Amino acid sequence: MADHDAGDGAEEEWRFPLSELEDGDGDAVDAAPDEPADPDAADSGTIEAGDPSLEGAVFLLLGVVFALFVVSRLVAG
């Protein structure tokens, strides 16, 4: 912030010009809002049930235990 507030009169330049950020093929830009950019990704919005992983179950249980601990500390005072 100190460099920005120096006020030396030099005009600032963006680190990445817009010309470098433009999409080369433009597929995602040309797609309609309700139409997916990738036709194969049409089913990507659906969520299918799967087997829970051990890691996910452990984090869920740790979260429940932590939440119960916090609530018990708030109630017990």
N, C-alpha and C. Protein backbone atom coordinates (compact mmCIF):
# COMPACT_ATOMS: atom_id res chain seq x y z
N MET A 1 0.82 -1.19 0.00
CA MET A 1 0.00 0.00 0.00
C MET A 1 0.86 1.25 0.00
N ALA A 2 2.05 1.19 0.57
CA ALA A 2 2.90 2.36 0.62
C ALA A 2 3.28 2.81 -0.78
N ASP A 3 3.53 1.88 -1.70
CA ASP A 3 3.88 2.25 -3.06
C ASP A 3 2.70 2.91 -3.76
N HIS A 4 1.50 2.45 -3.46
CA HIS A 4 0.31 3.00 -4.10
C HIS A 4 0.04 4.43 -3.62
N ASP A 5 0.31 4.68 -2.36
CA ASP A 5 0.03 5.99 -1.77
C ASP A 5 1.16 6.99 -1.98
N ALA A 6 2.24 6.60 -2.61
CA ALA A 6 3.39 7.48 -2.75
C ALA A 6 3.07 8.71 -3.58
N GLY A 7 2.21 8.55 -4.59
CA GLY A 7 1.79 9.69 -5.40
C GLY A 7 2.92 10.27 -6.22
N ASP A 8 3.76 9.42 -6.80
CA ASP A 8 4.89 9.92 -7.57
C ASP A 8 4.48 10.37 -8.97
N GLY A 9 3.21 10.22 -9.31
CA GLY A 9 2.73 10.70 -10.59
C GLY A 9 2.84 9.69 -11.71
N ALA A 10 3.51 8.58 -11.50
CA ALA A 10 3.64 7.56 -12.54
C ALA A 10 2.31 6.83 -12.70
N GLU A 11 1.94 6.59 -13.94
CA GLU A 11 0.69 5.88 -14.20
C GLU A 11 0.88 4.40 -13.93
N GLU A 12 -0.06 3.81 -13.20
CA GLU A 12 0.03 2.39 -12.86
C GLU A 12 -0.32 1.53 -14.06
N GLU A 13 0.31 0.38 -14.16
CA GLU A 13 -0.02 -0.60 -15.19
C GLU A 13 -0.50 -1.86 -14.52
N TRP A 14 -1.47 -2.51 -15.14
CA TRP A 14 -1.96 -3.77 -14.61
C TRP A 14 -0.90 -4.83 -14.79
N ARG A 15 -0.86 -5.75 -13.85
CA ARG A 15 0.12 -6.83 -13.93
C ARG A 15 -0.18 -7.74 -15.11
N PHE A 16 -1.47 -8.04 -15.35
CA PHE A 16 -1.89 -8.89 -16.45
C PHE A 16 -2.85 -8.10 -17.33
N PRO A 17 -2.46 -7.74 -18.53
CA PRO A 17 -3.38 -7.00 -19.39
C PRO A 17 -4.54 -7.88 -19.83
N LEU A 18 -5.64 -7.26 -20.18
CA LEU A 18 -6.84 -8.00 -20.57
C LEU A 18 -6.60 -8.87 -21.79
N SER A 19 -5.70 -8.47 -22.65
CA SER A 19 -5.44 -9.26 -23.86
C SER A 19 -4.88 -10.63 -23.51
N GLU A 20 -4.17 -10.75 -22.39
CA GLU A 20 -3.64 -12.05 -21.98
C GLU A 20 -4.69 -12.91 -21.31
N LEU A 21 -5.75 -12.31 -20.78
CA LEU A 21 -6.77 -13.06 -20.05
C LEU A 21 -7.91 -13.54 -20.93
N GLU A 22 -7.99 -13.09 -22.16
CA GLU A 22 -9.09 -13.48 -23.04
C GLU A 22 -8.98 -14.95 -23.40
N ASP A 23 -10.13 -15.59 -23.55
CA ASP A 23 -10.18 -17.00 -23.90
C ASP A 23 -9.85 -17.15 -25.38
N GLY A 24 -8.94 -18.04 -25.72
CA GLY A 24 -8.49 -18.20 -27.09
C GLY A 24 -9.55 -18.75 -28.01
N ASP A 25 -10.29 -19.81 -27.60
CA ASP A 25 -11.27 -20.41 -28.49
C ASP A 25 -12.66 -19.81 -28.30
N GLY A 26 -12.95 -19.23 -27.16
CA GLY A 26 -14.22 -18.54 -26.94
C GLY A 26 -15.42 -19.44 -26.77
N ASP A 27 -15.23 -20.75 -26.57
CA ASP A 27 -16.38 -21.65 -26.43
C ASP A 27 -17.22 -21.30 -25.21
N ALA A 28 -16.59 -21.08 -24.08
CA ALA A 28 -17.33 -20.80 -22.86
C ALA A 28 -18.00 -19.43 -22.91
N VAL A 29 -17.43 -18.50 -23.65
CA VAL A 29 -18.00 -17.16 -23.74
C VAL A 29 -19.21 -17.15 -24.66
N ASP A 30 -19.18 -17.96 -25.73
CA ASP A 30 -20.26 -17.96 -26.71
C ASP A 30 -21.47 -18.78 -26.30
N ALA A 31 -21.36 -19.60 -25.26
CA ALA A 31 -22.45 -20.48 -24.86
C ALA A 31 -23.58 -19.66 -24.23
N ALA A 32 -24.81 -20.08 -24.47
CA ALA A 32 -25.96 -19.44 -23.86
C ALA A 32 -25.96 -19.73 -22.37
N PRO A 33 -26.58 -18.87 -21.55
CA PRO A 33 -26.57 -19.09 -20.11
C PRO A 33 -27.18 -20.42 -19.67
N ASP A 34 -28.22 -20.89 -20.39
CA ASP A 34 -28.86 -22.14 -20.00
C ASP A 34 -28.28 -23.35 -20.73
N GLU A 35 -27.31 -23.11 -21.59
CA GLU A 35 -26.70 -24.18 -22.36
C GLU A 35 -25.27 -24.41 -21.87
N PRO A 36 -24.91 -25.65 -21.52
CA PRO A 36 -23.54 -25.88 -21.06
C PRO A 36 -22.53 -25.65 -22.17
N ALA A 37 -21.35 -25.17 -21.81
CA ALA A 37 -20.31 -24.90 -22.80
C ALA A 37 -19.80 -26.20 -23.41
N ASP A 38 -19.79 -27.27 -22.64
CA ASP A 38 -19.32 -28.57 -23.11
C ASP A 38 -20.54 -29.49 -23.21
N PRO A 39 -20.89 -29.99 -24.39
CA PRO A 39 -22.07 -30.84 -24.52
C PRO A 39 -21.98 -32.11 -23.68
N ASP A 40 -20.77 -32.62 -23.45
CA ASP A 40 -20.63 -33.82 -22.62
C ASP A 40 -20.86 -33.53 -21.15
N ALA A 41 -20.83 -32.27 -20.75
CA ALA A 41 -21.00 -31.89 -19.35
C ALA A 41 -22.47 -31.64 -19.01
N ALA A 42 -23.39 -32.04 -19.86
CA ALA A 42 -24.81 -31.79 -19.61
C ALA A 42 -25.29 -32.50 -18.35
N ASP A 43 -24.72 -33.65 -18.02
CA ASP A 43 -25.14 -34.39 -16.84
C ASP A 43 -24.33 -34.01 -15.61
N SER A 44 -23.46 -33.03 -15.71
CA SER A 44 -22.60 -32.68 -14.58
C SER A 44 -23.40 -32.05 -13.44
N GLY A 45 -24.62 -31.59 -13.68
CA GLY A 45 -25.43 -30.97 -12.64
C GLY A 45 -26.10 -31.97 -11.73
N THR A 46 -26.17 -33.23 -12.13
CA THR A 46 -26.82 -34.23 -11.30
C THR A 46 -25.82 -34.82 -10.31
N ILE A 47 -26.29 -35.09 -9.12
CA ILE A 47 -25.45 -35.69 -8.08
C ILE A 47 -25.97 -37.09 -7.82
N GLU A 48 -25.11 -38.04 -7.96
CA GLU A 48 -25.50 -39.43 -7.73
C GLU A 48 -24.97 -39.90 -6.38
N ALA A 49 -25.74 -40.76 -5.74
CA ALA A 49 -25.33 -41.31 -4.44
C ALA A 49 -24.14 -42.23 -4.63
N GLY A 50 -23.27 -42.22 -3.66
CA GLY A 50 -22.09 -43.07 -3.72
C GLY A 50 -21.75 -43.57 -2.33
N ASP A 51 -20.71 -44.35 -2.26
CA ASP A 51 -20.26 -44.87 -0.98
C ASP A 51 -19.44 -43.79 -0.27
N PRO A 52 -19.76 -43.51 1.01
CA PRO A 52 -18.97 -42.52 1.74
C PRO A 52 -17.57 -43.05 2.01
N SER A 53 -16.59 -42.17 1.91
CA SER A 53 -15.22 -42.59 2.20
C SER A 53 -14.99 -42.58 3.70
N LEU A 54 -13.98 -43.29 4.12
CA LEU A 54 -13.63 -43.33 5.54
C LEU A 54 -13.23 -41.94 6.02
N GLU A 55 -12.47 -41.23 5.22
CA GLU A 55 -12.04 -39.89 5.59
C GLU A 55 -13.23 -38.95 5.78
N GLY A 56 -14.20 -39.02 4.86
CA GLY A 56 -15.38 -38.18 4.97
C GLY A 56 -16.19 -38.49 6.21
N ALA A 57 -16.32 -39.78 6.54
CA ALA A 57 -17.07 -40.18 7.73
C ALA A 57 -16.37 -39.71 9.00
N VAL A 58 -15.04 -39.81 9.02
CA VAL A 58 -14.29 -39.38 10.20
C VAL A 58 -14.44 -37.88 10.40
N PHE A 59 -14.32 -37.09 9.32
CA PHE A 59 -14.48 -35.65 9.44
C PHE A 59 -15.90 -35.27 9.87
N LEU A 60 -16.89 -35.99 9.39
CA LEU A 60 -18.26 -35.74 9.82
C LEU A 60 -18.42 -35.99 11.31
N LEU A 61 -17.90 -37.12 11.79
CA LEU A 61 -18.00 -37.44 13.21
C LEU A 61 -17.23 -36.44 14.07
N LEU A 62 -16.05 -36.03 13.62
CA LEU A 62 -15.30 -35.02 14.36
C LEU A 62 -16.04 -33.70 14.41
N GLY A 63 -16.70 -33.34 13.34
CA GLY A 63 -17.49 -32.11 13.32
C GLY A 63 -18.66 -32.16 14.27
N VAL A 64 -19.34 -33.31 14.31
CA VAL A 64 -20.47 -33.47 15.23
C VAL A 64 -19.99 -33.42 16.68
N VAL A 65 -18.89 -34.11 16.98
CA VAL A 65 -18.36 -34.11 18.34
C VAL A 65 -17.94 -32.69 18.75
N PHE A 66 -17.28 -31.97 17.83
CA PHE A 66 -16.86 -30.60 18.14
C PHE A 66 -18.07 -29.70 18.36
N ALA A 67 -19.09 -29.83 17.53
CA ALA A 67 -20.29 -29.01 17.68
C ALA A 67 -20.99 -29.30 19.01
N LEU A 68 -21.09 -30.56 19.36
CA LEU A 68 -21.70 -30.93 20.65
C LEU A 68 -20.88 -30.39 21.81
N PHE A 69 -19.56 -30.41 21.69
CA PHE A 69 -18.70 -29.87 22.74
C PHE A 69 -18.92 -28.37 22.90
N VAL A 70 -19.00 -27.64 21.80
CA VAL A 70 -19.20 -26.20 21.87
C VAL A 70 -20.57 -25.88 22.47
N VAL A 71 -21.59 -26.60 22.05
CA VAL A 71 -22.93 -26.37 22.59
C VAL A 71 -22.98 -26.70 24.08
N SER A 72 -22.32 -27.79 24.48
CA SER A 72 -22.32 -28.15 25.91
C SER A 72 -21.58 -27.09 26.73
N ARG A 73 -20.52 -26.49 26.21
CA ARG A 73 -19.79 -25.43 26.92
C ARG A 73 -20.66 -24.18 27.03
N LEU A 74 -21.45 -23.89 25.99
CA LEU A 74 -22.32 -22.71 26.03
C LEU A 74 -23.46 -22.91 27.03
N VAL A 75 -24.01 -24.11 27.10
CA VAL A 75 -25.13 -24.38 28.01
C VAL A 75 -24.63 -24.48 29.44
N ALA A 76 -23.51 -25.15 29.65
CA ALA A 76 -22.98 -25.35 31.00
C ALA A 76 -22.39 -24.06 31.56
N GLY A 77 -21.98 -23.18 30.70
CA GLY A 77 -21.47 -21.88 31.13
C GLY A 77 -20.10 -21.95 31.55
